[in-house]
Amino acid sequence: MKRVLIIAYMFPPIHDSGTQRPLKFSNYLPDFGWEPTVLTVKSPPDINIDPALLSEIRSGTNVIRVKLLSDVVAEKFARVFPFQVRKRIHNGLAWRLRAIWNLPDFYASWRPTAVRAGRKIFNEKPFHAIYATGYPWTSLLVGRDIAEATNTPLISDFRDPWTDDYVFSISKKPRVIKDNNNELKQSVLSTSAAIVTVSESLSSLMRHEIGCAINAPIVTIENGYDPHDFLQIDKITIPKNKKRVVYAGVWKEKYNPGLLYKAISLLKNENPQELSALEFITAGYEPGFADSFQISHFVEERGLMSHNEALRLISSGDLLFLQVADGIYSRMHLPGKVFEYAATNIPILASAPQDSQLAKFLDILGSSVVVQPDNILSVKNILLSLAKNKSLNLSRRDPNVLKQYTRMALTKKLACLLDNVC
């Protein structure tokens, strides 16, 4: 069996949308002749930690965890202080070091310790290929450094655009920072034996940006869903006199269910009697946003929850709300959540441009309706129809489309790519 080094900062127990992709690849690659070793972070400073995710790692998977250098330095410095204040000194210094050492991202200090660990792994048990996935982009730089040091083919996985993705506020950084980011990205692309993205639109963008400068093939391997995950959850029985609208995701600037909240507010003002037939449940972010829209009596914000709890919640809905990030990314964005939404066979209401990757996918998938990101009235009318038990006139969902996006099928594509680069 050939061996692959998977470099993924986002990995259990970090509870993030980017965690499931490398987790599922590592779980299923052995079924296609590849033995993975996962190189990830130890004691991450990330807020969203879900220890239950550790149980989802395939038994026997070799996972190597190394700390950020900022934590290593802070720990040594804090030892000279009394025990009672060491933790406070450590946390404060580590945060300041990460804030200073932030190119290309907040996790940049993981690079030196991870590269050292990767070279040690290779010396002890050589691997035949490297798969590195970002964001954070530091993971891709770790992959580049290890690939160059070991003369091993690198597959670079871009889950998002690097420098043009406003979600990570790169566009707000000084020009010199943006130029340095571009240089770093080009160095990763130049080192890569193959480049992977999560949507055809993003692949097309990268082909346009790269032109003839890079010979590496650009391959699309989407995010997906794991049927096994849905077998592990218990279905929720809800009152039959209520139609449940569910949103499970994040609340970030320009990437949130604000359109749904505005539509609920409009419904409250214009058709308040219909709200008694509906219930709205959201999860994935700290509660409080419903208060600012004055709809807290109608929206139950459950906050952060585990992956299994989120699957249980979306499986209980009558309508699932989904949106893409606003801005340049809106036409390329194919959220990983859409595949798990689709696997429930519950109708999807999505906010996205009509010419976007998400809209095209949902049109092929079926049982979905897409509205423009600023069309509050359309969302309100759909909710009104749901409250009155009126048909949403949706096409049937095509199971043959969905089969292409199981985690097993997508891992097979990665395994074939690994075979090719080797």
Protein backbone atom coordinates (compact mmCIF):
# COMPACT_ATOMS: atom_id res chain seq x y z
CA MET A 1 0.00 0.00 0.00
CA LYS A 2 1.33 3.44 -0.95
CA ARG A 3 1.57 6.17 1.68
CA VAL A 4 0.33 9.75 1.59
CA LEU A 5 0.98 12.58 4.04
CA ILE A 6 -2.20 14.60 4.62
CA ILE A 7 -1.48 18.12 5.86
CA ALA A 8 -4.60 19.64 7.37
CA TYR A 9 -4.67 22.25 10.11
CA MET A 10 -8.46 21.83 10.17
CA PHE A 11 -8.91 18.35 11.60
CA PRO A 12 -10.73 16.88 14.61
CA PRO A 13 -11.26 18.07 17.28
CA ILE A 14 -11.50 21.45 15.49
CA HIS A 15 -15.18 21.96 14.62
CA ASP A 16 -15.06 23.87 11.35
CA SER A 17 -16.58 23.54 7.88
CA GLY A 18 -13.10 22.67 6.59
CA THR A 19 -12.63 19.74 8.98
CA GLN A 20 -14.86 17.15 7.33
CA ARG A 21 -13.02 17.11 3.98
CA PRO A 22 -9.58 15.89 5.16
CA LEU A 23 -11.24 13.74 7.82
CA LYS A 24 -13.28 11.80 5.25
CA PHE A 25 -10.38 11.56 2.79
CA SER A 26 -8.19 10.05 5.52
CA ASN A 27 -10.97 7.64 6.49
CA TYR A 28 -11.59 6.27 2.99
CA LEU A 29 -8.18 6.43 1.27
CA PRO A 30 -7.13 3.01 2.67
CA ASP A 31 -10.02 1.51 0.70
CA PHE A 32 -8.28 2.68 -2.48
CA GLY A 33 -4.75 1.54 -1.71
CA TRP A 34 -3.41 4.60 0.12
CA GLU A 35 -2.27 4.62 3.75
CA PRO A 36 -2.62 8.14 5.19
CA THR A 37 -0.59 9.85 7.86
CA VAL A 38 -2.28 13.04 9.01
CA LEU A 39 -0.17 16.00 10.11
CA THR A 40 -2.27 18.48 12.06
CA VAL A 41 -2.12 20.94 14.94
CA LYS A 42 -1.80 20.13 18.63
CA SER A 43 -3.57 22.23 21.28
CA PRO A 44 -5.13 24.59 18.68
CA PRO A 45 -6.07 28.10 19.79
CA ASP A 46 -9.34 27.83 17.85
CA ILE A 47 -12.52 28.48 19.83
CA ASN A 48 -14.73 25.83 18.23
CA ILE A 49 -13.53 22.49 19.58
CA ASP A 50 -15.67 19.35 19.52
CA PRO A 51 -13.96 16.36 21.21
CA ALA A 52 -16.72 14.09 19.87
CA LEU A 53 -15.24 14.52 16.38
CA LEU A 54 -12.22 12.48 17.46
CA SER A 55 -14.42 9.37 17.43
CA GLU A 56 -15.01 9.88 13.70
CA ILE A 57 -11.34 9.27 12.83
CA ARG A 58 -10.87 5.81 11.33
CA SER A 59 -9.34 3.36 13.77
CA GLY A 60 -5.63 2.87 13.14
CA THR A 61 -5.12 6.20 11.35
CA ASN A 62 -1.72 7.67 12.18
CA VAL A 63 -2.30 11.27 13.33
CA ILE A 64 0.73 13.42 14.18
CA ARG A 65 -0.05 16.59 16.13
CA VAL A 66 2.43 19.45 16.56
CA LYS A 67 2.04 22.79 18.31
CA LEU A 68 2.33 26.23 16.80
CA LEU A 69 5.78 27.70 17.37
CA SER A 70 4.08 30.66 19.07
CA ASP A 71 2.82 28.23 21.74
CA VAL A 72 6.21 26.54 22.09
CA VAL A 73 7.94 29.89 22.65
CA ALA A 74 5.23 31.14 25.01
CA GLU A 75 5.43 27.97 27.09
CA LYS A 76 9.18 28.33 27.58
CA PHE A 77 8.85 32.00 28.49
CA ALA A 78 5.97 31.38 30.92
CA ARG A 79 7.99 28.83 32.91
CA VAL A 80 10.03 31.60 34.56
CA PHE A 81 6.87 33.00 36.18
CA PRO A 82 5.01 31.65 39.23
CA PHE A 83 2.68 28.73 38.50
CA GLN A 84 -0.43 30.77 39.30
CA VAL A 85 0.12 33.19 36.39
CA ARG A 86 1.78 30.92 33.83
CA LYS A 87 -1.39 30.19 31.87
CA ARG A 88 -2.28 33.87 31.58
CA ILE A 89 1.26 34.78 30.55
CA HIS A 90 1.36 31.93 28.03
CA ASN A 91 -2.00 32.77 26.42
CA GLY A 92 -1.23 36.48 26.16
CA LEU A 93 2.21 36.00 24.65
CA ALA A 94 1.08 33.25 22.27
CA TRP A 95 -1.72 35.46 20.97
CA ARG A 96 0.64 38.39 20.42
CA LEU A 97 3.14 36.20 18.57
CA ARG A 98 0.39 34.89 16.29
CA ALA A 99 -0.80 38.44 15.65
CA ILE A 100 2.73 39.50 14.63
CA TRP A 101 3.54 36.34 12.68
CA ASN A 102 0.45 36.40 10.47
CA LEU A 103 1.55 35.92 6.87
CA PRO A 104 -0.25 34.36 5.11
CA ASP A 105 -2.69 33.90 8.00
CA PHE A 106 -3.12 33.75 11.76
CA TYR A 107 -1.68 30.21 11.86
CA ALA A 108 1.66 31.03 10.19
CA SER A 109 3.68 29.98 13.25
CA TRP A 110 2.51 26.39 12.72
CA ARG A 111 4.67 26.19 9.58
CA PRO A 112 8.16 25.66 11.11
CA THR A 113 7.05 23.02 13.62
CA ALA A 114 4.89 21.22 11.05
CA VAL A 115 7.63 21.19 8.41
CA ARG A 116 10.09 19.78 10.93
CA ALA A 117 7.59 17.06 11.86
CA GLY A 118 6.87 16.25 8.20
CA ARG A 119 10.54 15.76 7.42
CA LYS A 120 10.91 13.51 10.45
CA ILE A 121 7.94 11.41 9.34
CA PHE A 122 9.51 11.02 5.89
CA ASN A 123 12.88 9.98 7.32
CA GLU A 124 11.25 7.33 9.51
CA LYS A 125 8.72 6.02 6.98
CA PRO A 126 8.84 7.68 3.53
CA PHE A 127 5.55 8.65 1.90
CA HIS A 128 4.89 8.62 -1.84
CA ALA A 129 2.78 11.78 -2.09
CA ILE A 130 1.57 14.80 -0.12
CA TYR A 131 -1.97 16.19 0.02
CA ALA A 132 -2.26 19.63 1.67
CA THR A 133 -5.55 21.48 2.08
CA GLY A 134 -6.23 25.16 2.83
CA TYR A 135 -7.59 27.39 4.33
CA PRO A 136 -5.51 28.12 6.33
CA TRP A 137 -2.98 28.74 3.57
CA THR A 138 -0.20 27.91 6.02
CA SER A 139 -1.11 24.24 5.42
CA LEU A 140 -0.27 24.66 1.74
CA LEU A 141 3.05 26.30 2.57
CA VAL A 142 3.86 23.39 4.87
CA GLY A 143 3.08 21.05 2.00
CA ARG A 144 5.29 23.04 -0.36
CA ASP A 145 8.24 23.03 2.05
CA ILE A 146 8.01 19.31 2.77
CA ALA A 147 7.57 18.48 -0.92
CA GLU A 148 10.71 20.42 -1.81
CA ALA A 149 12.70 18.90 1.05
CA THR A 150 11.70 15.31 0.27
CA ASN A 151 11.29 15.53 -3.54
CA THR A 152 7.74 14.21 -3.17
CA PRO A 153 4.79 15.16 -5.44
CA LEU A 154 2.37 17.64 -3.86
CA ILE A 155 -1.38 17.92 -4.40
CA SER A 156 -2.55 21.36 -3.26
CA ASP A 157 -6.23 21.56 -2.32
CA PHE A 158 -7.84 25.01 -2.45
CA ARG A 159 -11.14 24.95 -0.60
CA ASP A 160 -11.44 28.71 -1.24
CA PRO A 161 -9.71 31.33 -3.40
CA TRP A 162 -6.51 32.45 -1.68
CA THR A 163 -6.05 36.20 -2.18
CA ASP A 164 -9.43 37.19 -3.61
CA ASP A 165 -11.60 35.66 -0.91
CA TYR A 166 -13.08 38.58 1.02
CA VAL A 167 -14.42 36.23 3.70
CA PHE A 168 -10.96 36.22 5.23
CA SER A 169 -10.58 40.00 4.76
CA ILE A 170 -7.46 39.71 2.61
CA SER A 171 -8.82 42.42 0.31
CA LYS A 172 -8.68 44.82 3.28
CA LYS A 173 -4.99 44.26 3.91
CA PRO A 174 -2.25 46.65 2.69
CA ARG A 175 -1.00 46.22 -0.89
CA VAL A 176 2.35 44.85 0.27
CA ILE A 177 0.58 42.09 2.22
CA LYS A 178 -1.54 41.21 -0.81
CA ASP A 179 1.56 41.09 -3.02
CA ASN A 180 3.33 38.81 -0.55
CA ASN A 181 0.28 36.56 -0.46
CA ASN A 182 0.30 36.33 -4.24
CA GLU A 183 3.98 35.39 -4.24
CA LEU A 184 3.37 32.68 -1.67
CA LYS A 185 0.41 31.31 -3.61
CA GLN A 186 2.43 31.23 -6.83
CA SER A 187 5.23 29.35 -5.06
CA VAL A 188 2.72 26.70 -3.95
CA LEU A 189 1.25 26.42 -7.44
CA SER A 190 4.70 26.11 -8.99
CA THR A 191 5.61 23.29 -6.61
CA SER A 192 2.35 21.37 -7.05
CA ALA A 193 2.11 18.23 -9.15
CA ALA A 194 -1.68 18.74 -9.20
CA ILE A 195 -4.12 21.38 -7.97
CA VAL A 196 -7.56 20.60 -6.55
CA THR A 197 -10.53 22.90 -5.96
CA VAL A 198 -14.04 22.31 -4.63
CA SER A 199 -16.07 23.69 -7.56
CA GLU A 200 -15.84 23.96 -11.33
CA SER A 201 -16.14 27.74 -11.09
CA LEU A 202 -13.16 27.96 -8.78
CA SER A 203 -11.18 25.63 -11.06
CA SER A 204 -12.02 27.85 -14.04
CA LEU A 205 -10.91 30.93 -12.12
CA MET A 206 -7.58 29.33 -11.27
CA ARG A 207 -7.03 28.21 -14.88
CA HIS A 208 -7.67 31.80 -15.98
CA GLU A 209 -5.32 33.24 -13.35
CA ILE A 210 -2.54 30.72 -13.97
CA GLY A 211 -2.74 30.60 -17.76
CA CYS A 212 0.22 28.72 -19.23
CA ALA A 213 2.56 29.52 -16.35
CA ILE A 214 1.75 26.33 -14.40
CA ASN A 215 1.74 22.87 -15.99
CA ALA A 216 -0.02 21.11 -13.12
CA PRO A 217 -3.53 19.83 -13.88
CA ILE A 218 -6.42 21.53 -12.06
CA VAL A 219 -9.02 19.03 -10.88
CA THR A 220 -12.39 19.61 -9.22
CA ILE A 221 -13.24 17.39 -6.26
CA GLU A 222 -16.28 18.80 -4.54
CA ASN A 223 -17.23 18.51 -0.90
CA GLY A 224 -19.83 15.88 -0.20
CA TYR A 225 -21.79 13.88 2.34
CA ASP A 226 -21.28 10.57 4.10
CA PRO A 227 -24.36 8.29 4.18
CA HIS A 228 -22.82 6.58 7.20
CA ASP A 229 -23.14 9.80 9.22
CA PHE A 230 -26.91 9.84 8.73
CA LEU A 231 -27.21 6.25 9.95
CA GLN A 232 -25.74 7.33 13.30
CA ILE A 233 -28.40 9.91 14.14
CA ASP A 234 -31.88 9.55 15.60
CA LYS A 235 -34.71 11.25 13.77
CA ILE A 236 -36.58 13.97 15.65
CA THR A 237 -40.38 13.88 15.89
CA ILE A 238 -41.82 17.38 15.69
CA PRO A 239 -45.39 18.63 16.19
CA LYS A 240 -47.43 18.10 13.02
CA ASN A 241 -49.08 21.50 13.33
CA LYS A 242 -45.75 23.27 12.84
CA LYS A 243 -43.60 23.52 9.71
CA ARG A 244 -39.95 23.74 10.64
CA VAL A 245 -37.43 25.94 8.79
CA VAL A 246 -33.82 25.14 9.66
CA TYR A 247 -30.51 26.87 9.07
CA ALA A 248 -27.23 25.28 10.19
CA GLY A 249 -24.11 27.25 9.41
CA VAL A 250 -22.10 30.34 10.33
CA TRP A 251 -22.84 33.99 10.89
CA LYS A 252 -20.06 36.08 9.43
CA GLU A 253 -19.98 39.48 7.83
CA LYS A 254 -21.54 39.13 4.36
CA TYR A 255 -22.05 35.41 4.95
CA ASN A 256 -25.07 34.78 7.14
CA PRO A 257 -28.82 34.03 7.08
CA GLY A 258 -29.69 37.72 7.35
CA LEU A 259 -32.03 37.45 4.34
CA LEU A 260 -34.07 34.80 6.14
CA TYR A 261 -34.21 36.95 9.28
CA LYS A 262 -35.39 39.96 7.25
CA ALA A 263 -38.11 37.86 5.63
CA ILE A 264 -39.29 36.62 9.03
CA SER A 265 -39.40 40.22 10.24
CA LEU A 266 -41.45 41.19 7.18
CA LEU A 267 -43.80 38.28 7.78
CA LYS A 268 -44.18 39.35 11.39
CA ASN A 269 -45.23 42.84 10.30
CA GLU A 270 -47.49 41.90 7.38
CA ASN A 271 -48.85 38.41 8.13
CA PRO A 272 -48.26 37.80 11.85
CA GLN A 273 -51.09 35.25 12.10
CA GLU A 274 -49.26 32.88 9.73
CA LEU A 275 -46.19 32.67 11.95
CA SER A 276 -48.06 30.40 14.34
CA ALA A 277 -47.81 27.64 11.71
CA LEU A 278 -44.03 27.96 11.44
CA GLU A 279 -40.99 27.47 13.64
CA PHE A 280 -37.48 28.63 12.82
CA ILE A 281 -34.42 26.95 14.31
CA THR A 282 -30.84 27.98 13.60
CA ALA A 283 -27.49 26.66 14.79
CA GLY A 284 -23.78 27.16 14.26
CA TYR A 285 -23.18 30.58 15.81
CA GLU A 286 -23.61 32.40 19.09
CA PRO A 287 -27.24 33.38 19.74
CA GLY A 288 -28.31 37.01 19.79
CA PHE A 289 -28.84 38.01 16.18
CA ALA A 290 -32.58 37.35 16.35
CA ASP A 291 -32.81 40.01 19.06
CA SER A 292 -31.31 42.62 16.75
CA PHE A 293 -33.98 41.81 14.14
CA GLN A 294 -36.69 41.82 16.85
CA ILE A 295 -37.75 38.29 15.96
CA SER A 296 -36.43 36.40 19.00
CA HIS A 297 -39.98 35.19 19.76
CA PHE A 298 -40.04 33.35 16.45
CA VAL A 299 -36.44 32.16 15.96
CA GLU A 300 -34.76 29.65 18.25
CA GLU A 301 -31.01 30.12 18.00
CA ARG A 302 -29.40 26.98 19.44
CA GLY A 303 -25.81 28.16 19.14
CA LEU A 304 -22.82 25.95 18.49
CA MET A 305 -23.44 22.22 18.26
CA SER A 306 -21.62 19.07 17.25
CA HIS A 307 -21.61 17.73 13.70
CA ASN A 308 -23.96 14.89 14.65
CA GLU A 309 -26.34 17.29 16.39
CA ALA A 310 -26.35 19.51 13.29
CA LEU A 311 -27.21 16.54 11.06
CA ARG A 312 -30.01 15.58 13.44
CA LEU A 313 -31.35 19.12 13.33
CA ILE A 314 -31.37 19.50 9.55
CA SER A 315 -32.98 16.07 9.22
CA SER A 316 -35.91 17.38 11.27
CA GLY A 317 -36.74 20.28 8.97
CA ASP A 318 -39.47 20.86 6.40
CA LEU A 319 -37.40 23.51 4.61
CA LEU A 320 -33.63 24.13 4.81
CA PHE A 321 -32.20 27.59 4.28
CA LEU A 322 -28.80 28.06 2.62
CA GLN A 323 -26.86 31.07 1.37
CA VAL A 324 -23.59 31.84 -0.38
CA ALA A 325 -21.06 34.44 0.68
CA ASP A 326 -21.72 37.90 -0.73
CA GLY A 327 -19.23 39.48 -3.13
CA ILE A 328 -16.88 38.05 -5.75
CA TYR A 329 -17.04 34.58 -4.22
CA SER A 330 -20.83 34.34 -4.50
CA ARG A 331 -20.72 32.85 -8.01
CA MET A 332 -18.01 30.32 -7.20
CA HIS A 333 -19.16 29.24 -3.76
CA LEU A 334 -20.52 25.69 -3.46
CA PRO A 335 -20.96 25.31 0.32
CA GLY A 336 -20.14 21.91 1.74
CA LYS A 337 -23.39 22.12 3.69
CA VAL A 338 -25.46 21.81 0.50
CA PHE A 339 -24.51 18.14 0.11
CA GLU A 340 -25.62 17.22 3.61
CA TYR A 341 -28.78 19.28 3.09
CA ALA A 342 -29.40 17.38 -0.16
CA ALA A 343 -28.87 14.01 1.52
CA THR A 344 -31.86 14.64 3.82
CA ASN A 345 -34.18 14.86 0.77
CA ILE A 346 -35.76 17.93 2.39
CA PRO A 347 -36.53 20.95 0.13
CA ILE A 348 -33.83 23.62 0.04
CA LEU A 349 -34.36 27.38 -0.11
CA ALA A 350 -31.13 29.02 -1.22
CA SER A 351 -30.04 32.64 -1.51
CA ALA A 352 -27.61 32.93 -4.42
CA PRO A 353 -27.16 34.64 -7.80
CA GLN A 354 -29.02 32.78 -10.55
CA ASP A 355 -25.79 32.28 -12.53
CA SER A 356 -23.85 30.98 -9.52
CA GLN A 357 -22.32 27.53 -9.06
CA LEU A 358 -24.79 26.83 -6.26
CA ALA A 359 -27.83 27.77 -8.36
CA LYS A 360 -26.66 25.56 -11.22
CA PHE A 361 -26.07 22.63 -8.89
CA LEU A 362 -29.47 22.97 -7.21
CA ASP A 363 -31.19 23.20 -10.59
CA ILE A 364 -29.71 19.82 -11.54
CA LEU A 365 -30.31 18.34 -8.08
CA GLY A 366 -33.98 19.31 -7.86
CA SER A 367 -36.34 19.91 -4.94
CA SER A 368 -34.82 23.36 -4.44
CA VAL A 369 -35.67 26.99 -5.02
CA VAL A 370 -33.09 29.77 -5.50
CA VAL A 371 -33.80 33.45 -4.83
CA GLN A 372 -31.60 36.46 -5.41
CA PRO A 373 -29.59 37.49 -2.33
CA ASP A 374 -31.57 40.74 -1.89
CA ASN A 375 -35.06 39.38 -2.63
CA ILE A 376 -36.68 39.54 0.79
CA LEU A 377 -40.19 39.44 -0.67
CA SER A 378 -39.61 36.14 -2.46
CA VAL A 379 -38.37 34.50 0.73
CA LYS A 380 -41.32 35.90 2.65
CA ASN A 381 -43.77 34.54 0.07
CA ILE A 382 -42.15 31.08 0.16
CA LEU A 383 -42.47 31.05 3.94
CA LEU A 384 -46.07 32.15 3.60
CA SER A 385 -46.80 29.29 1.19
CA LEU A 386 -45.18 26.85 3.59
CA ALA A 387 -47.33 28.17 6.45
CA LYS A 388 -50.49 27.72 4.38
CA ASN A 389 -49.48 24.21 3.24
CA LYS A 390 -49.32 25.35 -0.36
CA SER A 391 -47.10 23.54 -2.85
CA LEU A 392 -43.72 25.15 -3.55
CA ASN A 393 -43.83 23.64 -7.09
CA LEU A 394 -40.42 22.04 -6.79
CA SER A 395 -39.03 19.37 -9.10
CA ARG A 396 -38.16 15.98 -7.61
CA ARG A 397 -34.65 15.43 -6.29
CA ASP A 398 -32.49 13.29 -8.58
CA PRO A 399 -30.84 10.50 -6.52
CA ASN A 400 -28.37 9.80 -9.34
CA VAL A 401 -26.94 13.31 -8.97
CA LEU A 402 -26.51 12.87 -5.24
CA LYS A 403 -24.65 9.55 -5.57
CA GLN A 404 -21.73 11.34 -7.22
CA TYR A 405 -21.05 13.28 -4.02
CA THR A 406 -20.68 10.58 -1.40
CA ARG A 407 -17.40 10.92 0.51
CA MET A 408 -16.42 7.48 -0.75
CA ALA A 409 -16.91 8.47 -4.41
CA LEU A 410 -14.99 11.72 -3.94
CA THR A 411 -12.13 9.96 -2.16
CA LYS A 412 -11.88 7.60 -5.14
CA LYS A 413 -11.25 10.66 -7.33
CA LEU A 414 -8.48 11.81 -4.99
CA ALA A 415 -6.95 8.33 -4.95
CA CYS A 416 -6.90 8.27 -8.76
CA LEU A 417 -5.18 11.65 -8.76
CA LEU A 418 -2.61 10.39 -6.24
CA ASP A 419 -1.97 7.39 -8.47
CA ASN A 420 -1.43 9.70 -11.45
CA VAL A 421 1.03 12.07 -9.77
CA CYS A 422 3.07 9.11 -8.58
